[in-house]
Amino acid sequence: MSKYDPLWNYIKENGTDKFKLGFTEIEDIIGQPIDHSFLKFKSELLQYGYKVGKISMKEHTVKFERAESDK
């Protein structure tokens, strides 16, 4: 279990194909500041059917999108 599990569950429950969240929104969901460990743990999101898209340091946002399943 990682500190990002609440975020991964939130994303899975969101159900939309593509969306973005601000760093502050992510921090509210996980209950602590987002840090560089996010880059290490982002691969966990694939288990929930999504992947991390673009991370914008300028806009302080992260784009998420549904992962394409193998056909």
PDB file of N, CA and C in Angstrom:
ATOM      1  N   MET A   1       0.846  -1.183   0.000  1.00  0.00           N
ATOM      2  CA  MET A   1       0.000   0.000   0.000  1.00  0.00           C
ATOM      3  C   MET A   1       0.888   1.242   0.000  1.00  0.00           C
ATOM      4  N   SER A   2       0.602   2.164  -0.899  1.00  0.00           N
ATOM      5  CA  SER A   2       1.387   3.397  -0.966  1.00  0.00           C
ATOM      6  C   SER A   2       0.533   4.588  -0.526  1.00  0.00           C
ATOM      7  N   LYS A   3       1.197   5.678  -0.297  1.00  0.00           N
ATOM      8  CA  LYS A   3       0.468   6.878   0.123  1.00  0.00           C
ATOM      9  C   LYS A   3      -0.430   7.402  -0.994  1.00  0.00           C
ATOM     10  N   TYR A   4      -0.235   6.904  -2.218  1.00  0.00           N
ATOM     11  CA  TYR A   4      -1.039   7.365  -3.348  1.00  0.00           C
ATOM     12  C   TYR A   4      -2.281   6.503  -3.601  1.00  0.00           C
ATOM     13  N   ASP A   5      -2.480   5.443  -2.822  1.00  0.00           N
ATOM     14  CA  ASP A   5      -3.668   4.606  -3.013  1.00  0.00           C
ATOM     15  C   ASP A   5      -4.980   5.388  -2.987  1.00  0.00           C
ATOM     16  N   PRO A   6      -5.157   6.362  -2.074  1.00  0.00           N
ATOM     17  CA  PRO A   6      -6.412   7.140  -2.113  1.00  0.00           C
ATOM     18  C   PRO A   6      -6.601   7.875  -3.448  1.00  0.00           C
ATOM     19  N   LEU A   7      -5.510   8.338  -4.033  1.00  0.00           N
ATOM     20  CA  LEU A   7      -5.586   9.022  -5.326  1.00  0.00           C
ATOM     21  C   LEU A   7      -5.945   8.035  -6.423  1.00  0.00           C
ATOM     22  N   TRP A   8      -5.305   6.860  -6.421  1.00  0.00           N
ATOM     23  CA  TRP A   8      -5.602   5.866  -7.459  1.00  0.00           C
ATOM     24  C   TRP A   8      -7.072   5.446  -7.386  1.00  0.00           C
ATOM     25  N   ASN A   9      -7.600   5.261  -6.181  1.00  0.00           N
ATOM     26  CA  ASN A   9      -9.010   4.908  -6.033  1.00  0.00           C
ATOM     27  C   ASN A   9      -9.918   6.030  -6.509  1.00  0.00           C
ATOM     28  N   TYR A  10      -9.560   7.270  -6.209  1.00  0.00           N
ATOM     29  CA  TYR A  10     -10.337   8.422  -6.654  1.00  0.00           C
ATOM     30  C   TYR A  10     -10.399   8.452  -8.178  1.00  0.00           C
ATOM     31  N   ILE A  11      -9.252   8.221  -8.808  1.00  0.00           N
ATOM     32  CA  ILE A  11      -9.182   8.255 -10.273  1.00  0.00           C
ATOM     33  C   ILE A  11     -10.027   7.135 -10.871  1.00  0.00           C
ATOM     34  N   LYS A  12      -9.922   5.950 -10.313  1.00  0.00           N
ATOM     35  CA  LYS A  12     -10.701   4.811 -10.805  1.00  0.00           C
ATOM     36  C   LYS A  12     -12.194   5.088 -10.681  1.00  0.00           C
ATOM     37  N   GLU A  13     -12.603   5.644  -9.563  1.00  0.00           N
ATOM     38  CA  GLU A  13     -14.019   5.934  -9.339  1.00  0.00           C
ATOM     39  C   GLU A  13     -14.525   7.086 -10.202  1.00  0.00           C
ATOM     40  N   ASN A  14     -13.622   7.971 -10.641  1.00  0.00           N
ATOM     41  CA  ASN A  14     -13.992   9.085 -11.505  1.00  0.00           C
ATOM     42  C   ASN A  14     -14.612   8.560 -12.792  1.00  0.00           C
ATOM     43  N   GLY A  15     -13.987   7.550 -13.381  1.00  0.00           N
ATOM     44  CA  GLY A  15     -14.569   6.869 -14.526  1.00  0.00           C
ATOM     45  C   GLY A  15     -14.471   7.555 -15.875  1.00  0.00           C
ATOM     46  N   THR A  16     -14.004   8.794 -15.951  1.00  0.00           N
ATOM     47  CA  THR A  16     -13.896   9.453 -17.250  1.00  0.00           C
ATOM     48  C   THR A  16     -12.604   9.037 -17.934  1.00  0.00           C
ATOM     49  N   ASP A  17     -12.570   9.198 -19.258  1.00  0.00           N
ATOM     50  CA  ASP A  17     -11.408   8.761 -20.030  1.00  0.00           C
ATOM     51  C   ASP A  17     -10.183   9.639 -19.810  1.00  0.00           C
ATOM     52  N   LYS A  18     -10.384  10.955 -19.752  1.00  0.00           N
ATOM     53  CA  LYS A  18      -9.273  11.901 -19.584  1.00  0.00           C
ATOM     54  C   LYS A  18      -9.717  13.042 -18.684  1.00  0.00           C
ATOM     55  N   PHE A  19      -8.845  13.442 -17.785  1.00  0.00           N
ATOM     56  CA  PHE A  19      -9.117  14.602 -16.936  1.00  0.00           C
ATOM     57  C   PHE A  19      -7.822  15.035 -16.285  1.00  0.00           C
ATOM     58  N   LYS A  20      -7.851  16.204 -15.647  1.00  0.00           N
ATOM     59  CA  LYS A  20      -6.653  16.649 -14.939  1.00  0.00           C
ATOM     60  C   LYS A  20      -7.012  17.143 -13.558  1.00  0.00           C
ATOM     61  N   LEU A  21      -6.036  17.021 -12.676  1.00  0.00           N
ATOM     62  CA  LEU A  21      -6.175  17.493 -11.306  1.00  0.00           C
ATOM     63  C   LEU A  21      -5.009  18.412 -10.986  1.00  0.00           C
ATOM     64  N   GLY A  22      -5.285  19.426 -10.184  1.00  0.00           N
ATOM     65  CA  GLY A  22      -4.237  20.315  -9.717  1.00  0.00           C
ATOM     66  C   GLY A  22      -3.468  19.667  -8.574  1.00  0.00           C
ATOM     67  N   PHE A  23      -2.247  20.120  -8.374  1.00  0.00           N
ATOM     68  CA  PHE A  23      -1.432  19.593  -7.279  1.00  0.00           C
ATOM     69  C   PHE A  23      -2.168  19.720  -5.946  1.00  0.00           C
ATOM     70  N   THR A  24      -2.854  20.841  -5.733  1.00  0.00           N
ATOM     71  CA  THR A  24      -3.581  21.059  -4.482  1.00  0.00           C
ATOM     72  C   THR A  24      -4.700  20.036  -4.320  1.00  0.00           C
ATOM     73  N   GLU A  25      -5.409  19.736  -5.407  1.00  0.00           N
ATOM     74  CA  GLU A  25      -6.473  18.727  -5.343  1.00  0.00           C
ATOM     75  C   GLU A  25      -5.896  17.355  -4.981  1.00  0.00           C
ATOM     76  N   ILE A  26      -4.756  17.021  -5.580  1.00  0.00           N
ATOM     77  CA  ILE A  26      -4.103  15.742  -5.286  1.00  0.00           C
ATOM     78  C   ILE A  26      -3.693  15.689  -3.822  1.00  0.00           C
ATOM     79  N   GLU A  27      -3.130  16.783  -3.336  1.00  0.00           N
ATOM     80  CA  GLU A  27      -2.721  16.846  -1.933  1.00  0.00           C
ATOM     81  C   GLU A  27      -3.909  16.685  -0.997  1.00  0.00           C
ATOM     82  N   ASP A  28      -5.046  17.266  -1.361  1.00  0.00           N
ATOM     83  CA  ASP A  28      -6.262  17.109  -0.550  1.00  0.00           C
ATOM     84  C   ASP A  28      -6.725  15.654  -0.530  1.00  0.00           C
ATOM     85  N   ILE A  29      -6.618  14.978  -1.656  1.00  0.00           N
ATOM     86  CA  ILE A  29      -7.067  13.585  -1.758  1.00  0.00           C
ATOM     87  C   ILE A  29      -6.162  12.657  -0.949  1.00  0.00           C
ATOM     88  N   ILE A  30      -4.834  12.861  -1.034  1.00  0.00           N
ATOM     89  CA  ILE A  30      -3.913  11.955  -0.324  1.00  0.00           C
ATOM     90  C   ILE A  30      -3.635  12.393   1.105  1.00  0.00           C
ATOM     91  N   GLY A  31      -4.009  13.622   1.424  1.00  0.00           N
ATOM     92  CA  GLY A  31      -3.846  14.102   2.793  1.00  0.00           C
ATOM     93  C   GLY A  31      -2.432  14.498   3.171  1.00  0.00           C
ATOM     94  N   GLN A  32      -1.601  14.771   2.171  1.00  0.00           N
ATOM     95  CA  GLN A  32      -0.230  15.207   2.416  1.00  0.00           C
ATOM     96  C   GLN A  32       0.324  15.850   1.155  1.00  0.00           C
ATOM     97  N   PRO A  33       1.440  16.563   1.256  1.00  0.00           N
ATOM     98  CA  PRO A  33       2.005  17.215   0.076  1.00  0.00           C
ATOM     99  C   PRO A  33       2.465  16.216  -0.978  1.00  0.00           C
ATOM    100  N   ILE A  34       2.264  16.565  -2.229  1.00  0.00           N
ATOM    101  CA  ILE A  34       2.783  15.758  -3.330  1.00  0.00           C
ATOM    102  C   ILE A  34       4.282  16.046  -3.426  1.00  0.00           C
ATOM    103  N   ASP A  35       5.062  15.023  -3.711  1.00  0.00           N
ATOM    104  CA  ASP A  35       6.505  15.218  -3.816  1.00  0.00           C
ATOM    105  C   ASP A  35       7.057  14.384  -4.976  1.00  0.00           C
ATOM    106  N   HIS A  36       8.378  14.344  -5.095  1.00  0.00           N
ATOM    107  CA  HIS A  36       8.993  13.634  -6.216  1.00  0.00           C
ATOM    108  C   HIS A  36       8.718  12.131  -6.210  1.00  0.00           C
ATOM    109  N   SER A  37       8.316  11.575  -5.075  1.00  0.00           N
ATOM    110  CA  SER A  37       8.005  10.148  -5.035  1.00  0.00           C
ATOM    111  C   SER A  37       6.840   9.816  -5.966  1.00  0.00           C
ATOM    112  N   PHE A  38       6.035  10.823  -6.313  1.00  0.00           N
ATOM    113  CA  PHE A  38       4.926  10.614  -7.245  1.00  0.00           C
ATOM    114  C   PHE A  38       5.431  10.001  -8.538  1.00  0.00           C
ATOM    115  N   LEU A  39       6.597  10.445  -8.996  1.00  0.00           N
ATOM    116  CA  LEU A  39       7.164   9.935 -10.245  1.00  0.00           C
ATOM    117  C   LEU A  39       7.493   8.446 -10.123  1.00  0.00           C
ATOM    118  N   LYS A  40       7.916   8.024  -8.956  1.00  0.00           N
ATOM    119  CA  LYS A  40       8.239   6.614  -8.723  1.00  0.00           C
ATOM    120  C   LYS A  40       6.981   5.758  -8.647  1.00  0.00           C
ATOM    121  N   PHE A  41       5.958   6.266  -7.996  1.00  0.00           N
ATOM    122  CA  PHE A  41       4.755   5.484  -7.734  1.00  0.00           C
ATOM    123  C   PHE A  41       3.686   5.575  -8.818  1.00  0.00           C
ATOM    124  N   LYS A  42       3.846   6.465  -9.795  1.00  0.00           N
ATOM    125  CA  LYS A  42       2.794   6.658 -10.793  1.00  0.00           C
ATOM    126  C   LYS A  42       2.496   5.393 -11.590  1.00  0.00           C
ATOM    127  N   SER A  43       3.455   4.486 -11.707  1.00  0.00           N
ATOM    128  CA  SER A  43       3.207   3.242 -12.447  1.00  0.00           C
ATOM    129  C   SER A  43       2.163   2.364 -11.757  1.00  0.00           C
ATOM    130  N   GLU A  44       1.950   2.561 -10.448  1.00  0.00           N
ATOM    131  CA  GLU A  44       0.913   1.806  -9.725  1.00  0.00           C
ATOM    132  C   GLU A  44      -0.476   2.044 -10.312  1.00  0.00           C
ATOM    133  N   LEU A  45      -0.664   3.193 -10.912  1.00  0.00           N
ATOM    134  CA  LEU A  45      -1.977   3.568 -11.430  1.00  0.00           C
ATOM    135  C   LEU A  45      -2.441   2.629 -12.541  1.00  0.00           C
ATOM    136  N   LEU A  46      -1.506   2.004 -13.249  1.00  0.00           N
ATOM    137  CA  LEU A  46      -1.880   1.078 -14.320  1.00  0.00           C
ATOM    138  C   LEU A  46      -2.739  -0.075 -13.800  1.00  0.00           C
ATOM    139  N   GLN A  47      -2.544  -0.463 -12.556  1.00  0.00           N
ATOM    140  CA  GLN A  47      -3.343  -1.527 -11.948  1.00  0.00           C
ATOM    141  C   GLN A  47      -4.810  -1.123 -11.825  1.00  0.00           C
ATOM    142  N   TYR A  48      -5.072   0.171 -11.888  1.00  0.00           N
ATOM    143  CA  TYR A  48      -6.425   0.705 -11.757  1.00  0.00           C
ATOM    144  C   TYR A  48      -7.035   1.071 -13.111  1.00  0.00           C
ATOM    145  N   GLY A  49      -6.289   0.768 -14.195  1.00  0.00           N
ATOM    146  CA  GLY A  49      -6.805   1.013 -15.537  1.00  0.00           C
ATOM    147  C   GLY A  49      -6.540   2.401 -16.085  1.00  0.00           C
ATOM    148  N   TYR A  50      -5.686   3.164 -15.419  1.00  0.00           N
ATOM    149  CA  TYR A  50      -5.361   4.513 -15.865  1.00  0.00           C
ATOM    150  C   TYR A  50      -3.849   4.708 -15.897  1.00  0.00           C
ATOM    151  N   LYS A  51      -3.444   5.797 -16.524  1.00  0.00           N
ATOM    152  CA  LYS A  51      -2.033   6.161 -16.532  1.00  0.00           C
ATOM    153  C   LYS A  51      -1.900   7.669 -16.368  1.00  0.00           C
ATOM    154  N   VAL A  52      -0.717   8.067 -15.937  1.00  0.00           N
ATOM    155  CA  VAL A  52      -0.409   9.493 -15.796  1.00  0.00           C
ATOM    156  C   VAL A  52      -0.005  10.012 -17.163  1.00  0.00           C
ATOM    157  N   GLY A  53      -0.639  11.100 -17.571  1.00  0.00           N
ATOM    158  CA  GLY A  53      -0.268  11.750 -18.818  1.00  0.00           C
ATOM    159  C   GLY A  53       0.762  12.831 -18.538  1.00  0.00           C
ATOM    160  N   LYS A  54       0.491  14.031 -18.981  1.00  0.00           N
ATOM    161  CA  LYS A  54       1.424  15.136 -18.816  1.00  0.00           C
ATOM    162  C   LYS A  54       1.372  15.712 -17.401  1.00  0.00           C
ATOM    163  N   ILE A  55       2.550  15.949 -16.863  1.00  0.00           N
ATOM    164  CA  ILE A  55       2.674  16.643 -15.587  1.00  0.00           C
ATOM    165  C   ILE A  55       3.184  18.043 -15.908  1.00  0.00           C
ATOM    166  N   SER A  56       2.405  19.063 -15.590  1.00  0.00           N
ATOM    167  CA  SER A  56       2.789  20.441 -15.880  1.00  0.00           C
ATOM    168  C   SER A  56       3.267  21.136 -14.605  1.00  0.00           C
ATOM    169  N   MET A  57       4.552  21.398 -14.545  1.00  0.00           N
ATOM    170  CA  MET A  57       5.102  22.112 -13.405  1.00  0.00           C
ATOM    171  C   MET A  57       4.683  23.581 -13.457  1.00  0.00           C
ATOM    172  N   LYS A  58       4.474  24.103 -14.655  1.00  0.00           N
ATOM    173  CA  LYS A  58       4.071  25.501 -14.819  1.00  0.00           C
ATOM    174  C   LYS A  58       2.645  25.722 -14.312  1.00  0.00           C
ATOM    175  N   GLU A  59       1.734  24.824 -14.701  1.00  0.00           N
ATOM    176  CA  GLU A  59       0.324  24.958 -14.315  1.00  0.00           C
ATOM    177  C   GLU A  59       0.005  24.244 -13.005  1.00  0.00           C
ATOM    178  N   HIS A  60       0.953  23.445 -12.501  1.00  0.00           N
ATOM    179  CA  HIS A  60       0.752  22.646 -11.278  1.00  0.00           C
ATOM    180  C   HIS A  60      -0.425  21.693 -11.448  1.00  0.00           C
ATOM    181  N   THR A  61      -0.422  20.967 -12.580  1.00  0.00           N
ATOM    182  CA  THR A  61      -1.487  20.017 -12.859  1.00  0.00           C
ATOM    183  C   THR A  61      -0.901  18.685 -13.337  1.00  0.00           C
ATOM    184  N   VAL A  62      -1.714  17.653 -13.199  1.00  0.00           N
ATOM    185  CA  VAL A  62      -1.372  16.326 -13.717  1.00  0.00           C
ATOM    186  C   VAL A  62      -2.559  15.842 -14.530  1.00  0.00           C
ATOM    187  N   LYS A  63      -2.286  15.408 -15.753  1.00  0.00           N
ATOM    188  CA  LYS A  63      -3.336  14.839 -16.591  1.00  0.00           C
ATOM    189  C   LYS A  63      -3.336  13.327 -16.421  1.00  0.00           C
ATOM    190  N   PHE A  64      -4.532  12.776 -16.346  1.00  0.00           N
ATOM    191  CA  PHE A  64      -4.713  11.334 -16.221  1.00  0.00           C
ATOM    192  C   PHE A  64      -5.567  10.866 -17.383  1.00  0.00           C
ATOM    193  N   GLU A  65      -5.318   9.646 -17.839  1.00  0.00           N
ATOM    194  CA  GLU A  65      -6.125   9.088 -18.920  1.00  0.00           C
ATOM    195  C   GLU A  65      -6.258   7.586 -18.755  1.00  0.00           C
ATOM    196  N   ARG A  66      -7.350   7.084 -19.289  1.00  0.00           N
ATOM    197  CA  ARG A  66      -7.598   5.647 -19.209  1.00  0.00           C
ATOM    198  C   ARG A  66      -6.520   4.942 -20.008  1.00  0.00           C
ATOM    199  N   ALA A  67      -5.953   3.894 -19.433  1.00  0.00           N
ATOM    200  CA  ALA A  67      -4.929   3.103 -20.121  1.00  0.00           C
ATOM    201  C   ALA A  67      -5.625   2.224 -21.160  1.00  0.00           C
ATOM    202  N   GLU A  68      -4.988   2.085 -22.290  1.00  0.00           N
ATOM    203  CA  GLU A  68      -5.560   1.235 -23.323  1.00  0.00           C
ATOM    204  C   GLU A  68      -5.258  -0.219 -22.983  1.00  0.00           C
ATOM    205  N   SER A  69      -6.276  -1.021 -23.062  1.00  0.00           N
ATOM    206  CA  SER A  69      -6.088  -2.447 -22.766  1.00  0.00           C
ATOM    207  C   SER A  69      -5.550  -3.149 -24.003  1.00  0.00           C
ATOM    208  N   ASP A  70      -4.802  -4.201 -23.758  1.00  0.00           N
ATOM    209  CA  ASP A  70      -4.290  -5.010 -24.869  1.00  0.00           C
ATOM    210  C   ASP A  70      -5.444  -5.777 -25.499  1.00  0.00           C
ATOM    211  N   LYS A  71      -5.477  -5.751 -26.814  1.00  0.00           N
ATOM    212  CA  LYS A  71      -6.565  -6.448 -27.528  1.00  0.00           C
ATOM    213  C   LYS A  71      -6.001  -7.573 -28.349  1.00  0.00           C
TER     214      LYS A  71
END
